[in-house]
N, C-alpha and C. Protein backbone atom coordinates (compact mmCIF):
# COMPACT_ATOMS: atom_id res chain seq x y z
N MET A 1 76.44 82.56 75.12
CA MET A 1 76.71 82.34 76.52
C MET A 1 77.91 83.14 77.02
N GLY A 2 78.32 84.13 76.26
CA GLY A 2 79.47 84.94 76.64
C GLY A 2 79.25 85.73 77.90
N ALA A 3 78.01 86.25 78.10
CA ALA A 3 77.72 87.03 79.29
C ALA A 3 77.76 86.16 80.54
N LEU A 4 77.24 84.95 80.44
CA LEU A 4 77.25 84.05 81.60
C LEU A 4 78.67 83.60 81.93
N ASP A 5 79.48 83.41 80.92
CA ASP A 5 80.88 83.07 81.17
C ASP A 5 81.60 84.22 81.87
N PHE A 6 81.29 85.45 81.44
CA PHE A 6 81.90 86.62 82.07
C PHE A 6 81.49 86.71 83.53
N ILE A 7 80.20 86.49 83.81
CA ILE A 7 79.72 86.56 85.20
C ILE A 7 80.38 85.48 86.05
N ALA A 8 80.49 84.28 85.50
CA ALA A 8 81.14 83.20 86.24
C ALA A 8 82.62 83.51 86.50
N ASP A 9 83.29 84.04 85.47
CA ASP A 9 84.70 84.41 85.66
C ASP A 9 84.85 85.54 86.67
N TYR A 10 83.90 86.49 86.62
CA TYR A 10 83.97 87.61 87.57
C TYR A 10 83.83 87.10 89.01
N PHE A 11 82.84 86.25 89.25
CA PHE A 11 82.65 85.75 90.61
C PHE A 11 83.80 84.86 91.04
N ALA A 12 84.37 84.10 90.13
CA ALA A 12 85.54 83.29 90.48
C ALA A 12 86.71 84.19 90.87
N TRP A 13 86.90 85.29 90.13
CA TRP A 13 87.97 86.23 90.48
C TRP A 13 87.64 86.96 91.77
N HIS A 14 86.40 87.42 91.90
CA HIS A 14 86.01 88.26 93.03
C HIS A 14 86.15 87.51 94.36
N TYR A 15 85.83 86.23 94.36
CA TYR A 15 85.85 85.48 95.61
C TYR A 15 87.10 84.63 95.80
N SER A 16 88.06 84.71 94.91
CA SER A 16 89.31 83.97 95.13
C SER A 16 90.51 84.89 95.06
N GLU A 17 90.87 85.32 93.87
CA GLU A 17 92.09 86.13 93.69
C GLU A 17 91.96 87.50 94.36
N ALA A 18 90.82 88.13 94.20
CA ALA A 18 90.66 89.49 94.74
C ALA A 18 90.68 89.49 96.26
N ILE A 19 90.16 88.46 96.88
CA ILE A 19 90.19 88.40 98.34
C ILE A 19 91.63 88.24 98.83
N LYS A 20 92.42 87.45 98.12
CA LYS A 20 93.84 87.32 98.49
C LYS A 20 94.54 88.66 98.38
N ASP A 21 94.26 89.40 97.30
CA ASP A 21 94.87 90.72 97.13
C ASP A 21 94.40 91.69 98.19
N LEU A 22 93.12 91.65 98.52
CA LEU A 22 92.58 92.54 99.56
C LEU A 22 93.22 92.25 100.91
N LEU A 23 93.37 90.99 101.24
CA LEU A 23 94.03 90.63 102.50
C LEU A 23 95.50 91.04 102.50
N GLU A 24 96.14 90.96 101.36
CA GLU A 24 97.54 91.41 101.25
C GLU A 24 97.64 92.92 101.46
N ILE A 25 96.69 93.66 100.91
CA ILE A 25 96.66 95.12 101.10
C ILE A 25 96.47 95.45 102.57
N GLU A 26 95.54 94.78 103.23
CA GLU A 26 95.30 95.03 104.65
C GLU A 26 96.52 94.66 105.49
N LYS A 27 97.19 93.57 105.13
CA LYS A 27 98.40 93.17 105.85
C LYS A 27 99.50 94.22 105.68
N ASN A 28 99.60 94.80 104.48
CA ASN A 28 100.60 95.84 104.26
C ASN A 28 100.30 97.10 105.06
N PHE A 29 99.02 97.45 105.22
CA PHE A 29 98.67 98.58 106.07
C PHE A 29 99.09 98.32 107.52
N MET A 30 98.88 97.09 107.98
CA MET A 30 99.27 96.75 109.34
C MET A 30 100.80 96.82 109.50
N ARG A 31 101.52 96.32 108.52
CA ARG A 31 102.99 96.39 108.56
C ARG A 31 103.47 97.83 108.54
N PHE A 32 102.81 98.67 107.72
CA PHE A 32 103.21 100.06 107.63
C PHE A 32 103.10 100.75 108.99
N ALA A 33 101.98 100.55 109.67
CA ALA A 33 101.81 101.18 110.98
C ALA A 33 102.81 100.62 111.99
N TYR A 34 103.09 99.32 111.90
CA TYR A 34 104.05 98.69 112.81
C TYR A 34 105.44 99.29 112.64
N HIS A 35 105.84 99.51 111.39
CA HIS A 35 107.17 100.05 111.14
C HIS A 35 107.20 101.57 111.19
N LEU A 36 106.06 102.23 110.98
CA LEU A 36 106.00 103.69 111.10
C LEU A 36 106.34 104.11 112.52
N PHE A 37 105.83 103.38 113.48
CA PHE A 37 106.12 103.71 114.88
C PHE A 37 107.38 103.02 115.39
N SER A 38 108.08 102.28 114.55
CA SER A 38 109.31 101.58 114.92
C SER A 38 109.13 100.78 116.21
N MET A 39 108.08 100.02 116.24
CA MET A 39 107.73 99.31 117.47
C MET A 39 108.82 98.34 117.95
N PRO A 40 109.49 97.59 117.07
CA PRO A 40 110.56 96.72 117.59
C PRO A 40 111.69 97.51 118.26
N LEU A 41 112.06 98.63 117.66
CA LEU A 41 113.13 99.45 118.24
C LEU A 41 112.67 100.09 119.55
N LEU A 42 111.41 100.50 119.62
CA LEU A 42 110.91 101.09 120.86
C LEU A 42 110.88 100.06 121.98
N PHE A 43 110.54 98.82 121.67
CA PHE A 43 110.57 97.78 122.70
C PHE A 43 112.00 97.53 123.18
N LYS A 44 112.96 97.52 122.27
CA LYS A 44 114.35 97.26 122.66
C LYS A 44 114.91 98.37 123.53
N THR A 45 114.55 99.60 123.22
CA THR A 45 115.15 100.75 123.91
C THR A 45 114.20 101.41 124.88
N LEU A 46 113.23 100.66 125.42
CA LEU A 46 112.20 101.26 126.26
C LEU A 46 112.79 101.95 127.49
N PHE A 47 113.80 101.37 128.09
CA PHE A 47 114.38 101.94 129.30
C PHE A 47 115.67 102.72 129.07
N ALA A 48 116.01 102.97 127.82
CA ALA A 48 117.23 103.72 127.53
C ALA A 48 116.94 105.22 127.69
N PRO A 49 117.93 105.99 128.08
CA PRO A 49 117.71 107.43 128.20
C PRO A 49 117.60 108.08 126.83
N ILE A 50 116.93 109.23 126.78
CA ILE A 50 116.85 109.98 125.53
C ILE A 50 118.24 110.43 125.12
N PHE A 51 118.94 111.00 126.04
CA PHE A 51 120.36 111.29 125.82
C PHE A 51 121.07 111.09 127.15
N ARG A 52 122.33 110.85 127.08
CA ARG A 52 123.12 110.57 128.28
C ARG A 52 124.09 111.72 128.49
N LEU A 53 124.13 112.20 129.71
CA LEU A 53 125.05 113.28 130.05
C LEU A 53 126.42 112.70 130.33
N ASN A 54 127.36 112.98 129.47
CA ASN A 54 128.73 112.50 129.62
C ASN A 54 129.66 113.69 129.59
N GLU A 55 130.58 113.68 130.48
CA GLU A 55 131.59 114.73 130.52
C GLU A 55 132.96 114.07 130.58
N LYS A 56 133.96 114.80 130.15
CA LYS A 56 135.31 114.26 130.26
C LYS A 56 135.68 114.18 131.73
N ARG A 57 136.28 113.07 132.05
CA ARG A 57 136.66 112.86 133.45
C ARG A 57 137.86 113.72 133.81
N LYS A 58 137.75 114.29 134.96
CA LYS A 58 138.86 115.05 135.51
C LYS A 58 139.61 114.16 136.49
N LEU A 59 140.76 114.56 136.85
CA LEU A 59 141.52 113.80 137.84
C LEU A 59 140.81 113.88 139.19
N GLY A 60 140.73 112.77 139.84
CA GLY A 60 140.08 112.75 141.14
C GLY A 60 138.60 112.45 141.03
N PHE A 61 137.95 112.34 142.17
CA PHE A 61 136.53 112.03 142.20
C PHE A 61 135.76 113.27 142.61
N ASP A 62 134.81 113.66 141.78
CA ASP A 62 133.99 114.83 142.06
C ASP A 62 132.58 114.34 142.38
N LEU A 63 132.21 114.38 143.64
CA LEU A 63 130.92 113.87 144.09
C LEU A 63 129.77 114.66 143.48
N GLU A 64 129.92 115.95 143.35
CA GLU A 64 128.85 116.79 142.80
C GLU A 64 128.61 116.46 141.32
N ALA A 65 129.67 116.30 140.53
CA ALA A 65 129.52 115.98 139.10
C ALA A 65 128.95 114.57 138.93
N ALA A 66 129.40 113.63 139.76
CA ALA A 66 128.90 112.26 139.65
C ALA A 66 127.42 112.19 140.01
N SER A 67 127.02 112.88 141.06
CA SER A 67 125.61 112.87 141.44
C SER A 67 124.75 113.61 140.40
N GLU A 68 125.30 114.68 139.81
CA GLU A 68 124.56 115.39 138.76
C GLU A 68 124.34 114.48 137.55
N ARG A 69 125.38 113.78 137.13
CA ARG A 69 125.25 112.85 136.00
C ARG A 69 124.23 111.75 136.31
N PHE A 70 124.30 111.22 137.53
CA PHE A 70 123.36 110.16 137.91
C PHE A 70 121.92 110.66 137.89
N ILE A 71 121.68 111.84 138.44
CA ILE A 71 120.32 112.38 138.50
C ILE A 71 119.80 112.71 137.10
N VAL A 72 120.63 113.35 136.29
CA VAL A 72 120.20 113.70 134.94
C VAL A 72 119.96 112.45 134.10
N ASN A 73 120.83 111.46 134.20
CA ASN A 73 120.63 110.23 133.44
C ASN A 73 119.38 109.47 133.90
N THR A 74 119.11 109.49 135.21
CA THR A 74 117.90 108.84 135.71
C THR A 74 116.65 109.55 135.22
N ILE A 75 116.65 110.87 135.26
CA ILE A 75 115.51 111.64 134.76
C ILE A 75 115.33 111.40 133.26
N MET A 76 116.42 111.35 132.51
CA MET A 76 116.31 111.12 131.07
C MET A 76 115.80 109.70 130.76
N ARG A 77 116.15 108.73 131.61
CA ARG A 77 115.60 107.39 131.42
C ARG A 77 114.09 107.39 131.64
N ILE A 78 113.65 108.09 132.66
CA ILE A 78 112.22 108.17 132.95
C ILE A 78 111.48 108.88 131.82
N VAL A 79 112.02 110.01 131.37
CA VAL A 79 111.40 110.75 130.27
C VAL A 79 111.39 109.89 129.00
N GLY A 80 112.51 109.24 128.71
CA GLY A 80 112.59 108.37 127.53
C GLY A 80 111.60 107.22 127.61
N PHE A 81 111.43 106.65 128.82
CA PHE A 81 110.48 105.57 129.00
C PHE A 81 109.06 106.03 128.66
N PHE A 82 108.66 107.18 129.18
CA PHE A 82 107.30 107.64 128.94
C PHE A 82 107.07 108.06 127.49
N VAL A 83 108.06 108.66 126.87
CA VAL A 83 107.92 109.04 125.46
C VAL A 83 107.78 107.79 124.60
N ARG A 84 108.62 106.81 124.83
CA ARG A 84 108.53 105.57 124.05
C ARG A 84 107.24 104.81 124.35
N LEU A 85 106.83 104.84 125.60
CA LEU A 85 105.59 104.17 125.98
C LEU A 85 104.38 104.82 125.29
N ILE A 86 104.37 106.14 125.19
CA ILE A 86 103.29 106.83 124.49
C ILE A 86 103.26 106.43 123.03
N PHE A 87 104.43 106.38 122.39
CA PHE A 87 104.47 105.98 120.99
C PHE A 87 104.06 104.52 120.81
N LEU A 88 104.44 103.65 121.73
CA LEU A 88 104.01 102.25 121.65
C LEU A 88 102.50 102.13 121.79
N VAL A 89 101.92 102.88 122.71
CA VAL A 89 100.47 102.83 122.90
C VAL A 89 99.76 103.38 121.67
N LEU A 90 100.25 104.50 121.13
CA LEU A 90 99.65 105.05 119.91
C LEU A 90 99.76 104.08 118.74
N GLY A 91 100.90 103.44 118.60
CA GLY A 91 101.07 102.46 117.54
C GLY A 91 100.12 101.28 117.72
N ALA A 92 99.95 100.82 118.95
CA ALA A 92 99.03 99.70 119.20
C ALA A 92 97.59 100.11 118.93
N ILE A 93 97.22 101.34 119.29
CA ILE A 93 95.86 101.82 119.01
C ILE A 93 95.62 101.89 117.51
N ILE A 94 96.59 102.39 116.76
CA ILE A 94 96.42 102.47 115.31
C ILE A 94 96.35 101.07 114.70
N GLU A 95 97.13 100.13 115.21
CA GLU A 95 97.05 98.75 114.73
C GLU A 95 95.66 98.17 114.99
N ILE A 96 95.11 98.42 116.15
CA ILE A 96 93.77 97.91 116.48
C ILE A 96 92.72 98.56 115.60
N ILE A 97 92.83 99.86 115.38
CA ILE A 97 91.88 100.56 114.51
C ILE A 97 91.95 100.01 113.10
N LEU A 98 93.15 99.80 112.59
CA LEU A 98 93.29 99.24 111.25
C LEU A 98 92.71 97.83 111.16
N ALA A 99 92.87 97.06 112.21
CA ALA A 99 92.30 95.70 112.21
C ALA A 99 90.78 95.76 112.20
N PHE A 100 90.20 96.68 112.98
CA PHE A 100 88.75 96.78 113.01
C PHE A 100 88.18 97.41 111.73
N ILE A 101 88.95 98.26 111.08
CA ILE A 101 88.49 98.83 109.81
C ILE A 101 88.55 97.78 108.70
N SER A 102 89.50 96.88 108.78
CA SER A 102 89.63 95.89 107.71
C SER A 102 88.48 94.89 107.70
N ILE A 103 87.86 94.64 108.83
CA ILE A 103 86.75 93.68 108.89
C ILE A 103 85.55 94.18 108.09
N PRO A 104 85.06 95.43 108.27
CA PRO A 104 83.94 95.88 107.43
C PRO A 104 84.28 95.98 105.95
N ILE A 105 85.52 96.31 105.64
CA ILE A 105 85.93 96.38 104.23
C ILE A 105 85.83 94.99 103.61
N LEU A 106 86.32 93.99 104.32
CA LEU A 106 86.24 92.62 103.81
C LEU A 106 84.79 92.15 103.68
N LEU A 107 83.96 92.46 104.68
CA LEU A 107 82.55 92.08 104.61
C LEU A 107 81.85 92.77 103.44
N PHE A 108 82.16 94.05 103.24
CA PHE A 108 81.57 94.76 102.11
C PHE A 108 81.99 94.11 100.79
N TRP A 109 83.25 93.73 100.71
CA TRP A 109 83.75 93.11 99.49
C TRP A 109 83.04 91.78 99.22
N LEU A 110 82.76 91.04 100.28
CA LEU A 110 82.10 89.75 100.11
C LEU A 110 80.62 89.89 99.79
N LEU A 111 79.94 90.88 100.38
CA LEU A 111 78.49 90.98 100.26
C LEU A 111 78.01 91.92 99.17
N ALA A 112 78.83 92.81 98.68
CA ALA A 112 78.38 93.81 97.70
C ALA A 112 77.87 93.18 96.40
N PRO A 113 78.54 92.21 95.79
CA PRO A 113 77.99 91.64 94.55
C PRO A 113 76.65 90.94 94.76
N MET A 114 76.51 90.24 95.86
CA MET A 114 75.24 89.57 96.13
C MET A 114 74.13 90.58 96.37
N ALA A 115 74.43 91.64 97.10
CA ALA A 115 73.43 92.68 97.33
C ALA A 115 73.06 93.36 96.03
N ALA A 116 74.02 93.56 95.14
CA ALA A 116 73.73 94.18 93.85
C ALA A 116 72.83 93.29 93.00
N ILE A 117 73.07 92.00 93.03
CA ILE A 117 72.22 91.06 92.28
C ILE A 117 70.80 91.06 92.84
N ILE A 118 70.69 91.01 94.15
CA ILE A 118 69.37 91.02 94.78
C ILE A 118 68.63 92.31 94.44
N LEU A 119 69.30 93.43 94.54
CA LEU A 119 68.66 94.71 94.20
C LEU A 119 68.30 94.78 92.73
N PHE A 120 69.13 94.23 91.87
CA PHE A 120 68.82 94.22 90.44
C PHE A 120 67.56 93.43 90.16
N PHE A 121 67.46 92.22 90.73
CA PHE A 121 66.28 91.40 90.49
C PHE A 121 65.05 91.98 91.16
N ALA A 122 65.22 92.60 92.32
CA ALA A 122 64.08 93.24 92.98
C ALA A 122 63.57 94.39 92.14
N ALA A 123 64.45 95.19 91.58
CA ALA A 123 64.04 96.29 90.70
C ALA A 123 63.42 95.74 89.42
N LEU A 124 63.95 94.67 88.89
CA LEU A 124 63.42 94.07 87.67
C LEU A 124 62.00 93.54 87.89
N PHE A 125 61.77 92.86 88.99
CA PHE A 125 60.43 92.34 89.28
C PHE A 125 59.47 93.45 89.65
N TYR A 126 59.98 94.52 90.23
CA TYR A 126 59.12 95.66 90.54
C TYR A 126 58.64 96.33 89.27
N LEU A 127 59.49 96.41 88.28
CA LEU A 127 59.13 97.05 87.01
C LEU A 127 58.18 96.20 86.18
N ILE A 128 58.21 94.89 86.37
CA ILE A 128 57.37 94.00 85.56
C ILE A 128 55.96 93.96 86.06
């Protein structure tokens, strides 16, 4: 009865421990994409400028320099917003793709042994 014990042990492993490991692998892929795009940092700094134009202050008030700094900083905030928004959207798309890819992988893992057994017995009865 060694072969039957092996088959029983295999199915016990395949449908319990291996599924936990497979789900852990899929979760790690999701975490990797989440941290690859630095999504928490992008959310925190969504409206921050890419760089800020700072100059040493001179004595007195210079309206032209102040307006130039304001305009450049505003434009850099807008550019920074769109760059971060593009990365957030790309990260979300990759997360969704990974989630949808993980479903067929899990279904294949669950159904492949049963399909193999059915095909084995179908081939066996066909040969007889």
